[in-house]
Amino acid sequence: MPLICVVDDDASVAESTRYLIHSFGFPSKTFASAREFLSSRYVEEVACLILDIRMPEMDGLELQHRLAEINKRVPIVFVTAHANDIEEKRAMEGGAVAVLRKPVGEGLLFNAIQAALGRSGRIGPDNT
């Protein structure tokens, strides 16, 4: 079953996103920072990354860049309240599946996750 990881420095947003992902039928893990995610074993297991753009220390765009540097091509769905056009363009040029604005509707997030999993070759909760 494909693992979805959520990286967001706002604990309440991360947890609510995790619960929503579980309601879609996917397992998920949350991380409070990009560094926490990068140092976890889940970097190798993740099928889709739900990522905030603006976070302290290392922002989502830098995490996207670091993953590319280590040749880890994981589909990313950015979810943010503060992205500007330049950040959105950088995210998409870096290979993001979508940049969604908070608060995100369930349908939009589900469709973005499905698109990301299709890109990674892992289609749905039952891997079909």
Foldseek 3Di string as FASTA:
>chain_A
DAEEEEEDLPVVVQVVVQVLVVVQQHHYYYHNHLVRVVPDPCLVRHQEYEAEQDDPPAGPLNSLVVCVVVPRDHAYEYEYQDDDPVSQVSCVVSPHLYYHYPPDDSVVVVVSVQSRNVVSQQHGNVSD
